[in-house]
Amino acid sequence: MWVKKIYTLVFLRTRNQVLLGFKKRGFGINKWNGFGGKVEPNENIVDGAVRELKEECAVTVTASDLKNVGHLEFTFEGEPTLMDVRVFSATIWQGVPQETEEMSPKWFDNDCLPFGEMWPDDRFWFPYMLQNRPFYAVFHYQGHDTILKSKIYEIDSMEKHYATVIDDNNK
């Protein structure tokens, strides 16, 4: 049985670019990724996304600025944790991205993303996010660099997806 932990992942986007952060410490060190992390106890998912973005690159978004574009689930061979990651995108924010102790931000053109320096699963689901197509994906890893199993689904809407997940969990 898995122990589920909820995480957030936020991507600031312009029409042709996406902001990634180079992870300087902790889980995912030395990889380019979005900004996010664990949702704290007594914190809702959107508030966690807003907080993590501010902590990791000094940019502020409001809850209404965030669009939930995806749902990722990660498991790692031999590990009991299921990482339930909610993916958000924002095109409106306040402030200029700044380097922090944890992340160093950099803008990338949508067609020149550094997939070789990102998590291996990113190359599969990023196209959905960049095209604003809601998705749900599941990845099972051996270590942090080898995907053993994966499935990705384009879905009608995140709202319908979460309603289905809640219904399935209550059966």
N, C-alpha and C. Protein backbone atom coordinates (compact mmCIF):
# COMPACT_ATOMS: atom_id res chain seq x y z
N MET A 1 0.84 -1.19 0.00
CA MET A 1 0.00 0.00 0.00
C MET A 1 0.88 1.25 0.00
N TRP A 2 0.49 2.23 -0.77
CA TRP A 2 1.26 3.48 -0.89
C TRP A 2 0.85 4.49 0.16
N VAL A 3 1.79 5.29 0.59
CA VAL A 3 1.52 6.45 1.43
C VAL A 3 1.51 7.65 0.49
N LYS A 4 0.34 8.28 0.33
CA LYS A 4 0.21 9.38 -0.62
C LYS A 4 0.62 10.71 0.02
N LYS A 5 1.45 11.44 -0.72
CA LYS A 5 1.83 12.80 -0.32
C LYS A 5 1.51 13.73 -1.48
N ILE A 6 0.91 14.86 -1.17
CA ILE A 6 0.49 15.80 -2.21
C ILE A 6 1.52 16.90 -2.40
N TYR A 7 1.84 17.16 -3.66
CA TYR A 7 2.82 18.17 -4.06
C TYR A 7 2.21 19.08 -5.13
N THR A 8 2.86 20.21 -5.34
CA THR A 8 2.46 21.12 -6.39
C THR A 8 3.65 21.37 -7.32
N LEU A 9 3.32 21.80 -8.53
CA LEU A 9 4.32 22.15 -9.52
C LEU A 9 3.73 23.30 -10.33
N VAL A 10 4.43 24.44 -10.37
CA VAL A 10 3.91 25.64 -11.04
C VAL A 10 4.89 26.06 -12.14
N PHE A 11 4.31 26.38 -13.30
CA PHE A 11 5.08 26.88 -14.43
C PHE A 11 4.55 28.24 -14.84
N LEU A 12 5.41 29.26 -14.81
CA LEU A 12 5.06 30.56 -15.36
C LEU A 12 5.29 30.48 -16.86
N ARG A 13 4.33 31.04 -17.62
CA ARG A 13 4.41 30.91 -19.07
C ARG A 13 4.06 32.21 -19.77
N THR A 14 4.75 32.44 -20.87
CA THR A 14 4.36 33.47 -21.82
C THR A 14 3.89 32.71 -23.07
N ARG A 15 3.57 33.42 -24.10
CA ARG A 15 3.09 32.75 -25.31
C ARG A 15 4.11 31.74 -25.85
N ASN A 16 5.39 32.07 -25.79
CA ASN A 16 6.42 31.22 -26.40
C ASN A 16 7.47 30.69 -25.44
N GLN A 17 7.34 31.00 -24.13
CA GLN A 17 8.37 30.59 -23.18
C GLN A 17 7.77 30.03 -21.90
N VAL A 18 8.60 29.27 -21.21
CA VAL A 18 8.23 28.72 -19.90
C VAL A 18 9.41 28.97 -18.96
N LEU A 19 9.09 29.33 -17.73
CA LEU A 19 10.13 29.55 -16.71
C LEU A 19 10.38 28.23 -15.98
N LEU A 20 11.65 27.83 -15.98
CA LEU A 20 12.06 26.65 -15.22
C LEU A 20 13.05 27.10 -14.16
N GLY A 21 13.17 26.28 -13.13
CA GLY A 21 14.14 26.55 -12.08
C GLY A 21 15.15 25.42 -12.01
N PHE A 22 16.43 25.78 -11.89
CA PHE A 22 17.48 24.78 -11.71
C PHE A 22 17.57 24.48 -10.22
N LYS A 23 17.30 23.24 -9.86
CA LYS A 23 17.23 22.83 -8.46
C LYS A 23 18.64 22.75 -7.88
N LYS A 24 18.88 23.52 -6.82
CA LYS A 24 20.21 23.63 -6.23
C LYS A 24 20.42 22.71 -5.02
N ARG A 25 19.31 22.18 -4.47
CA ARG A 25 19.44 21.29 -3.30
C ARG A 25 18.19 20.42 -3.20
N GLY A 26 18.29 19.37 -2.42
CA GLY A 26 17.14 18.53 -2.14
C GLY A 26 16.72 17.62 -3.29
N PHE A 27 15.51 17.12 -3.21
CA PHE A 27 14.96 16.18 -4.19
C PHE A 27 14.96 16.84 -5.57
N GLY A 28 15.55 16.17 -6.55
CA GLY A 28 15.62 16.72 -7.90
C GLY A 28 16.80 17.64 -8.14
N ILE A 29 17.77 17.61 -7.23
CA ILE A 29 18.95 18.48 -7.36
C ILE A 29 19.58 18.31 -8.74
N ASN A 30 20.06 19.42 -9.29
CA ASN A 30 20.74 19.49 -10.59
C ASN A 30 19.83 19.19 -11.78
N LYS A 31 18.52 19.35 -11.59
CA LYS A 31 17.57 19.20 -12.69
C LYS A 31 16.79 20.50 -12.87
N TRP A 32 16.38 20.77 -14.10
CA TRP A 32 15.46 21.88 -14.39
C TRP A 32 14.05 21.37 -14.14
N ASN A 33 13.24 22.20 -13.48
CA ASN A 33 11.89 21.78 -13.13
C ASN A 33 11.03 23.02 -12.95
N GLY A 34 9.75 22.78 -12.68
CA GLY A 34 8.87 23.87 -12.28
C GLY A 34 9.11 24.17 -10.81
N PHE A 35 8.32 25.08 -10.28
CA PHE A 35 8.47 25.51 -8.89
C PHE A 35 7.35 24.88 -8.07
N GLY A 36 7.70 24.29 -6.95
CA GLY A 36 6.66 23.66 -6.15
C GLY A 36 7.26 22.82 -5.04
N GLY A 37 6.38 22.06 -4.42
CA GLY A 37 6.82 21.21 -3.32
C GLY A 37 5.63 20.67 -2.56
N LYS A 38 5.91 20.24 -1.35
CA LYS A 38 4.89 19.61 -0.50
C LYS A 38 3.83 20.60 -0.07
N VAL A 39 2.59 20.12 -0.06
CA VAL A 39 1.50 20.89 0.52
C VAL A 39 1.57 20.66 2.03
N GLU A 40 1.57 21.74 2.78
CA GLU A 40 1.69 21.66 4.24
C GLU A 40 0.37 21.20 4.87
N PRO A 41 0.45 20.62 6.08
CA PRO A 41 -0.79 20.28 6.79
C PRO A 41 -1.66 21.53 6.97
N ASN A 42 -2.94 21.38 6.87
CA ASN A 42 -3.91 22.48 7.01
C ASN A 42 -3.77 23.54 5.91
N GLU A 43 -3.16 23.19 4.77
CA GLU A 43 -3.02 24.10 3.64
C GLU A 43 -3.70 23.45 2.43
N ASN A 44 -4.50 24.23 1.68
CA ASN A 44 -5.08 23.62 0.50
C ASN A 44 -4.05 23.61 -0.63
N ILE A 45 -4.33 22.86 -1.67
CA ILE A 45 -3.37 22.64 -2.75
C ILE A 45 -2.99 23.94 -3.45
N VAL A 46 -3.97 24.77 -3.76
CA VAL A 46 -3.69 26.02 -4.46
C VAL A 46 -2.85 26.95 -3.59
N ASP A 47 -3.19 27.06 -2.30
CA ASP A 47 -2.38 27.90 -1.40
C ASP A 47 -0.95 27.38 -1.31
N GLY A 48 -0.78 26.06 -1.34
CA GLY A 48 0.55 25.48 -1.33
C GLY A 48 1.33 25.86 -2.58
N ALA A 49 0.66 25.85 -3.72
CA ALA A 49 1.31 26.23 -4.98
C ALA A 49 1.74 27.69 -4.95
N VAL A 50 0.87 28.56 -4.47
CA VAL A 50 1.17 30.00 -4.37
C VAL A 50 2.38 30.21 -3.46
N ARG A 51 2.37 29.54 -2.30
CA ARG A 51 3.46 29.68 -1.32
C ARG A 51 4.78 29.19 -1.89
N GLU A 52 4.78 28.00 -2.49
CA GLU A 52 6.02 27.43 -3.02
C GLU A 52 6.62 28.30 -4.12
N LEU A 53 5.79 28.83 -5.00
CA LEU A 53 6.29 29.69 -6.07
C LEU A 53 6.98 30.92 -5.49
N LYS A 54 6.37 31.52 -4.48
CA LYS A 54 6.94 32.70 -3.83
C LYS A 54 8.28 32.35 -3.16
N GLU A 55 8.32 31.21 -2.45
CA GLU A 55 9.54 30.80 -1.75
C GLU A 55 10.68 30.47 -2.71
N GLU A 56 10.35 29.87 -3.86
CA GLU A 56 11.40 29.36 -4.73
C GLU A 56 11.87 30.32 -5.81
N CYS A 57 11.06 31.36 -6.15
CA CYS A 57 11.54 32.31 -7.16
C CYS A 57 11.06 33.74 -6.94
N ALA A 58 10.49 34.01 -5.74
CA ALA A 58 10.12 35.38 -5.33
C ALA A 58 9.06 36.02 -6.23
N VAL A 59 8.21 35.20 -6.84
CA VAL A 59 7.13 35.69 -7.69
C VAL A 59 5.81 35.39 -7.00
N THR A 60 4.87 36.32 -7.13
CA THR A 60 3.57 36.17 -6.50
C THR A 60 2.48 35.93 -7.55
N VAL A 61 1.65 34.96 -7.29
CA VAL A 61 0.44 34.74 -8.07
C VAL A 61 -0.73 34.67 -7.10
N THR A 62 -1.91 34.95 -7.60
CA THR A 62 -3.11 34.75 -6.80
C THR A 62 -3.70 33.40 -7.18
N ALA A 63 -4.55 32.87 -6.34
CA ALA A 63 -5.18 31.59 -6.62
C ALA A 63 -5.90 31.64 -7.97
N SER A 64 -6.51 32.76 -8.30
CA SER A 64 -7.25 32.87 -9.57
C SER A 64 -6.32 32.95 -10.78
N ASP A 65 -5.02 33.23 -10.55
CA ASP A 65 -4.04 33.27 -11.64
C ASP A 65 -3.60 31.86 -12.06
N LEU A 66 -3.79 30.89 -11.18
CA LEU A 66 -3.32 29.53 -11.44
C LEU A 66 -4.37 28.72 -12.19
N LYS A 67 -3.90 28.01 -13.21
CA LYS A 67 -4.77 27.10 -13.95
C LYS A 67 -4.22 25.69 -13.74
N ASN A 68 -5.07 24.81 -13.19
CA ASN A 68 -4.66 23.41 -12.99
C ASN A 68 -4.69 22.73 -14.35
N VAL A 69 -3.51 22.33 -14.83
CA VAL A 69 -3.41 21.76 -16.17
C VAL A 69 -3.11 20.27 -16.17
N GLY A 70 -2.69 19.72 -15.01
CA GLY A 70 -2.35 18.32 -15.01
C GLY A 70 -2.29 17.70 -13.63
N HIS A 71 -2.28 16.38 -13.63
CA HIS A 71 -2.19 15.59 -12.41
C HIS A 71 -1.19 14.46 -12.69
N LEU A 72 -0.13 14.43 -11.92
CA LEU A 72 0.92 13.42 -12.06
C LEU A 72 0.97 12.55 -10.81
N GLU A 73 1.21 11.27 -11.00
CA GLU A 73 1.45 10.39 -9.87
C GLU A 73 2.76 9.65 -10.13
N PHE A 74 3.64 9.69 -9.12
CA PHE A 74 4.95 9.05 -9.22
C PHE A 74 5.12 8.04 -8.10
N THR A 75 5.64 6.88 -8.46
CA THR A 75 6.09 5.91 -7.47
C THR A 75 7.50 5.50 -7.86
N PHE A 76 8.25 5.06 -6.86
CA PHE A 76 9.64 4.67 -7.06
C PHE A 76 9.82 3.27 -6.51
N GLU A 77 10.41 2.39 -7.31
CA GLU A 77 10.62 1.00 -6.94
C GLU A 77 11.23 0.90 -5.55
N GLY A 78 10.58 0.13 -4.66
CA GLY A 78 11.09 -0.09 -3.31
C GLY A 78 10.76 1.02 -2.32
N GLU A 79 10.08 2.07 -2.77
CA GLU A 79 9.71 3.19 -1.89
C GLU A 79 8.21 3.15 -1.62
N PRO A 80 7.77 3.45 -0.39
CA PRO A 80 6.35 3.35 -0.05
C PRO A 80 5.52 4.59 -0.41
N THR A 81 6.15 5.66 -0.90
CA THR A 81 5.45 6.92 -1.13
C THR A 81 4.93 7.03 -2.56
N LEU A 82 3.67 7.46 -2.67
CA LEU A 82 3.09 7.85 -3.95
C LEU A 82 3.08 9.37 -3.95
N MET A 83 3.79 9.96 -4.89
CA MET A 83 3.83 11.42 -5.00
C MET A 83 2.67 11.85 -5.92
N ASP A 84 1.69 12.51 -5.34
CA ASP A 84 0.52 13.02 -6.05
C ASP A 84 0.79 14.49 -6.35
N VAL A 85 1.10 14.81 -7.61
CA VAL A 85 1.56 16.14 -7.99
C VAL A 85 0.50 16.85 -8.84
N ARG A 86 0.10 18.02 -8.39
CA ARG A 86 -0.86 18.84 -9.13
C ARG A 86 -0.08 19.90 -9.91
N VAL A 87 -0.26 19.92 -11.21
CA VAL A 87 0.50 20.80 -12.10
C VAL A 87 -0.33 22.03 -12.45
N PHE A 88 0.27 23.20 -12.22
CA PHE A 88 -0.39 24.47 -12.49
C PHE A 88 0.41 25.29 -13.48
N SER A 89 -0.30 26.15 -14.20
CA SER A 89 0.31 27.07 -15.14
C SER A 89 -0.23 28.46 -14.82
N ALA A 90 0.61 29.48 -15.00
CA ALA A 90 0.16 30.86 -14.79
C ALA A 90 0.75 31.75 -15.87
N THR A 91 -0.07 32.65 -16.37
CA THR A 91 0.39 33.63 -17.37
C THR A 91 0.35 35.04 -16.80
N ILE A 92 -0.15 35.16 -15.56
CA ILE A 92 -0.21 36.45 -14.86
C ILE A 92 0.48 36.27 -13.52
N TRP A 93 1.40 37.17 -13.20
CA TRP A 93 2.11 37.13 -11.91
C TRP A 93 2.63 38.51 -11.60
N GLN A 94 3.09 38.68 -10.37
CA GLN A 94 3.68 39.92 -9.93
C GLN A 94 5.11 39.65 -9.50
N GLY A 95 6.02 40.54 -9.91
CA GLY A 95 7.42 40.41 -9.54
C GLY A 95 8.26 39.85 -10.67
N VAL A 96 9.55 39.87 -10.44
CA VAL A 96 10.53 39.36 -11.39
C VAL A 96 11.16 38.13 -10.77
N PRO A 97 11.21 37.00 -11.50
CA PRO A 97 11.82 35.79 -10.93
C PRO A 97 13.25 36.05 -10.46
N GLN A 98 13.53 35.60 -9.23
CA GLN A 98 14.83 35.80 -8.59
C GLN A 98 15.40 34.46 -8.16
N GLU A 99 16.72 34.37 -8.14
CA GLU A 99 17.37 33.18 -7.62
C GLU A 99 17.18 33.13 -6.11
N THR A 100 16.92 31.94 -5.59
CA THR A 100 16.79 31.72 -4.14
C THR A 100 17.78 30.64 -3.73
N GLU A 101 17.79 30.30 -2.46
CA GLU A 101 18.70 29.25 -1.97
C GLU A 101 18.40 27.90 -2.63
N GLU A 102 17.16 27.72 -3.10
CA GLU A 102 16.76 26.42 -3.63
C GLU A 102 16.76 26.34 -5.16
N MET A 103 16.43 27.45 -5.84
CA MET A 103 16.24 27.40 -7.28
C MET A 103 16.87 28.61 -7.98
N SER A 104 17.33 28.37 -9.21
CA SER A 104 17.84 29.43 -10.07
C SER A 104 16.96 29.46 -11.33
N PRO A 105 16.13 30.52 -11.49
CA PRO A 105 15.18 30.54 -12.60
C PRO A 105 15.80 30.96 -13.94
N LYS A 106 15.22 30.42 -15.01
CA LYS A 106 15.64 30.78 -16.36
C LYS A 106 14.48 30.54 -17.33
N TRP A 107 14.29 31.48 -18.25
CA TRP A 107 13.27 31.35 -19.28
C TRP A 107 13.80 30.49 -20.42
N PHE A 108 12.95 29.58 -20.92
CA PHE A 108 13.29 28.74 -22.07
C PHE A 108 12.20 28.87 -23.13
N ASP A 109 12.61 28.91 -24.40
CA ASP A 109 11.64 28.86 -25.48
C ASP A 109 10.95 27.50 -25.44
N ASN A 110 9.65 27.48 -25.74
CA ASN A 110 8.88 26.23 -25.69
C ASN A 110 9.48 25.13 -26.56
N ASP A 111 10.13 25.52 -27.65
CA ASP A 111 10.69 24.52 -28.56
C ASP A 111 12.17 24.23 -28.28
N CYS A 112 12.71 24.74 -27.19
CA CYS A 112 14.12 24.50 -26.82
C CYS A 112 14.26 24.16 -25.34
N LEU A 113 13.43 23.29 -24.86
CA LEU A 113 13.48 22.91 -23.44
C LEU A 113 14.64 21.95 -23.20
N PRO A 114 15.29 22.05 -22.03
CA PRO A 114 16.46 21.22 -21.74
C PRO A 114 16.09 19.83 -21.21
N PHE A 115 15.34 19.05 -22.02
CA PHE A 115 14.85 17.75 -21.56
C PHE A 115 15.95 16.83 -21.05
N GLY A 116 17.16 16.94 -21.58
CA GLY A 116 18.26 16.11 -21.12
C GLY A 116 18.69 16.41 -19.70
N GLU A 117 18.27 17.57 -19.16
CA GLU A 117 18.61 17.97 -17.80
C GLU A 117 17.37 18.09 -16.92
N MET A 118 16.29 17.43 -17.36
CA MET A 118 15.03 17.45 -16.62
C MET A 118 14.69 16.01 -16.21
N TRP A 119 13.61 15.85 -15.46
CA TRP A 119 13.13 14.51 -15.13
C TRP A 119 12.76 13.81 -16.44
N PRO A 120 13.06 12.50 -16.58
CA PRO A 120 12.77 11.80 -17.83
C PRO A 120 11.30 11.85 -18.25
N ASP A 121 10.38 11.90 -17.29
CA ASP A 121 8.95 11.92 -17.64
C ASP A 121 8.49 13.22 -18.28
N ASP A 122 9.24 14.31 -18.07
CA ASP A 122 8.81 15.62 -18.57
C ASP A 122 8.59 15.62 -20.08
N ARG A 123 9.41 14.93 -20.82
CA ARG A 123 9.28 14.94 -22.28
C ARG A 123 7.95 14.34 -22.74
N PHE A 124 7.30 13.54 -21.89
CA PHE A 124 6.03 12.91 -22.25
C PHE A 124 4.83 13.81 -21.98
N TRP A 125 4.83 14.51 -20.84
CA TRP A 125 3.65 15.28 -20.49
C TRP A 125 3.76 16.78 -20.78
N PHE A 126 4.97 17.31 -20.94
CA PHE A 126 5.12 18.73 -21.23
C PHE A 126 4.34 19.18 -22.48
N PRO A 127 4.33 18.39 -23.56
CA PRO A 127 3.55 18.84 -24.73
C PRO A 127 2.07 19.09 -24.40
N TYR A 128 1.50 18.29 -23.52
CA TYR A 128 0.11 18.52 -23.11
C TYR A 128 -0.02 19.87 -22.41
N MET A 129 0.87 20.12 -21.45
CA MET A 129 0.82 21.37 -20.71
C MET A 129 1.00 22.56 -21.65
N LEU A 130 1.99 22.50 -22.53
CA LEU A 130 2.28 23.62 -23.42
C LEU A 130 1.13 23.92 -24.39
N GLN A 131 0.32 22.90 -24.66
CA GLN A 131 -0.83 23.08 -25.54
C GLN A 131 -2.13 23.27 -24.75
N ASN A 132 -2.02 23.45 -23.42
CA ASN A 132 -3.19 23.65 -22.56
C ASN A 132 -4.21 22.52 -22.68
N ARG A 133 -3.69 21.28 -22.82
CA ARG A 133 -4.56 20.10 -22.89
C ARG A 133 -4.48 19.38 -21.54
N PRO A 134 -5.57 19.34 -20.78
CA PRO A 134 -5.53 18.69 -19.46
C PRO A 134 -5.09 17.23 -19.57
N PHE A 135 -4.30 16.79 -18.59
CA PHE A 135 -3.76 15.43 -18.64
C PHE A 135 -3.64 14.83 -17.26
N TYR A 136 -3.59 13.50 -17.25
CA TYR A 136 -3.33 12.71 -16.06
C TYR A 136 -2.27 11.70 -16.46
N ALA A 137 -1.21 11.58 -15.68
CA ALA A 137 -0.13 10.65 -16.02
C ALA A 137 0.39 9.95 -14.78
N VAL A 138 0.81 8.72 -14.97
CA VAL A 138 1.34 7.88 -13.91
C VAL A 138 2.71 7.36 -14.36
N PHE A 139 3.71 7.50 -13.49
CA PHE A 139 5.06 7.03 -13.80
C PHE A 139 5.60 6.23 -12.63
N HIS A 140 6.20 5.09 -12.93
CA HIS A 140 6.84 4.27 -11.92
C HIS A 140 8.32 4.19 -12.28
N TYR A 141 9.17 4.64 -11.37
CA TYR A 141 10.61 4.76 -11.60
C TYR A 141 11.41 3.68 -10.89
N GLN A 142 12.56 3.37 -11.47
CA GLN A 142 13.64 2.65 -10.80
C GLN A 142 14.70 3.72 -10.57
N GLY A 143 14.99 4.05 -9.32
CA GLY A 143 15.87 5.18 -9.05
C GLY A 143 15.22 6.47 -9.53
N HIS A 144 16.04 7.43 -9.95
CA HIS A 144 15.50 8.72 -10.39
C HIS A 144 15.66 8.96 -11.88
N ASP A 145 16.21 7.96 -12.61
CA ASP A 145 16.49 8.19 -14.02
C ASP A 145 15.87 7.18 -14.98
N THR A 146 15.26 6.11 -14.45
CA THR A 146 14.71 5.08 -15.32
C THR A 146 13.22 4.90 -15.07
N ILE A 147 12.42 5.11 -16.10
CA ILE A 147 10.98 4.88 -16.02
C ILE A 147 10.71 3.42 -16.35
N LEU A 148 10.12 2.70 -15.39
CA LEU A 148 9.78 1.29 -15.61
C LEU A 148 8.41 1.14 -16.28
N LYS A 149 7.46 1.95 -15.85
CA LYS A 149 6.10 1.90 -16.41
C LYS A 149 5.55 3.32 -16.46
N SER A 150 4.71 3.57 -17.46
CA SER A 150 4.06 4.88 -17.53
C SER A 150 2.77 4.79 -18.33
N LYS A 151 1.87 5.70 -18.01
CA LYS A 151 0.63 5.89 -18.76
C LYS A 151 0.31 7.36 -18.71
N ILE A 152 -0.17 7.88 -19.83
CA ILE A 152 -0.58 9.28 -19.86
C ILE A 152 -1.91 9.35 -20.59
N TYR A 153 -2.81 10.16 -20.05
CA TYR A 153 -4.14 10.30 -20.59
C TYR A 153 -4.46 11.77 -20.79
N GLU A 154 -5.00 12.10 -21.95
CA GLU A 154 -5.58 13.42 -22.12
C GLU A 154 -7.00 13.33 -21.58
N ILE A 155 -7.41 14.30 -20.78
CA ILE A 155 -8.73 14.26 -20.15
C ILE A 155 -9.54 15.48 -20.57
N ASP A 156 -10.85 15.39 -20.38
CA ASP A 156 -11.74 16.50 -20.78
C ASP A 156 -11.50 17.74 -19.94
N SER A 157 -11.41 17.55 -18.63
CA SER A 157 -11.20 18.69 -17.74
C SER A 157 -10.65 18.19 -16.42
N MET A 158 -9.94 19.06 -15.72
CA MET A 158 -9.40 18.68 -14.42
C MET A 158 -10.55 18.47 -13.42
N GLU A 159 -11.60 19.27 -13.51
CA GLU A 159 -12.72 19.14 -12.58
C GLU A 159 -13.37 17.77 -12.70
N LYS A 160 -13.61 17.31 -13.93
CA LYS A 160 -14.20 15.98 -14.12
C LYS A 160 -13.23 14.90 -13.64
N HIS A 161 -11.96 15.09 -13.90
CA HIS A 161 -10.94 14.11 -13.47
C HIS A 161 -10.96 13.95 -11.96
N TYR A 162 -10.92 15.06 -11.22
CA TYR A 162 -10.88 14.96 -9.77
C TYR A 162 -12.17 14.39 -9.22
N ALA A 163 -13.30 14.67 -9.87
CA ALA A 163 -14.58 14.07 -9.44
C ALA A 163 -14.50 12.56 -9.60
N THR A 164 -13.91 12.09 -10.70
CA THR A 164 -13.77 10.65 -10.94
C THR A 164 -12.81 10.04 -9.92
N VAL A 165 -11.71 10.71 -9.63
CA VAL A 165 -10.74 10.19 -8.65
C VAL A 165 -11.41 10.07 -7.28
N ILE A 166 -12.16 11.07 -6.87
CA ILE A 166 -12.85 11.03 -5.59
C ILE A 166 -13.87 9.89 -5.58
N ASP A 167 -14.66 9.75 -6.65
CA ASP A 167 -15.63 8.66 -6.74
C ASP A 167 -14.95 7.30 -6.65
N ASP A 168 -13.85 7.12 -7.39
CA ASP A 168 -13.13 5.84 -7.38
C ASP A 168 -12.57 5.54 -6.00
N ASN A 169 -12.11 6.56 -5.27
CA ASN A 169 -11.56 6.35 -3.94
C ASN A 169 -12.63 5.98 -2.92
N ASN A 170 -13.87 6.31 -3.22
CA ASN A 170 -14.96 6.01 -2.28
C ASN A 170 -15.61 4.66 -2.53
N LYS A 171 -15.14 3.91 -3.51
CA LYS A 171 -15.73 2.60 -3.82
C LYS A 171 -15.11 1.52 -2.99
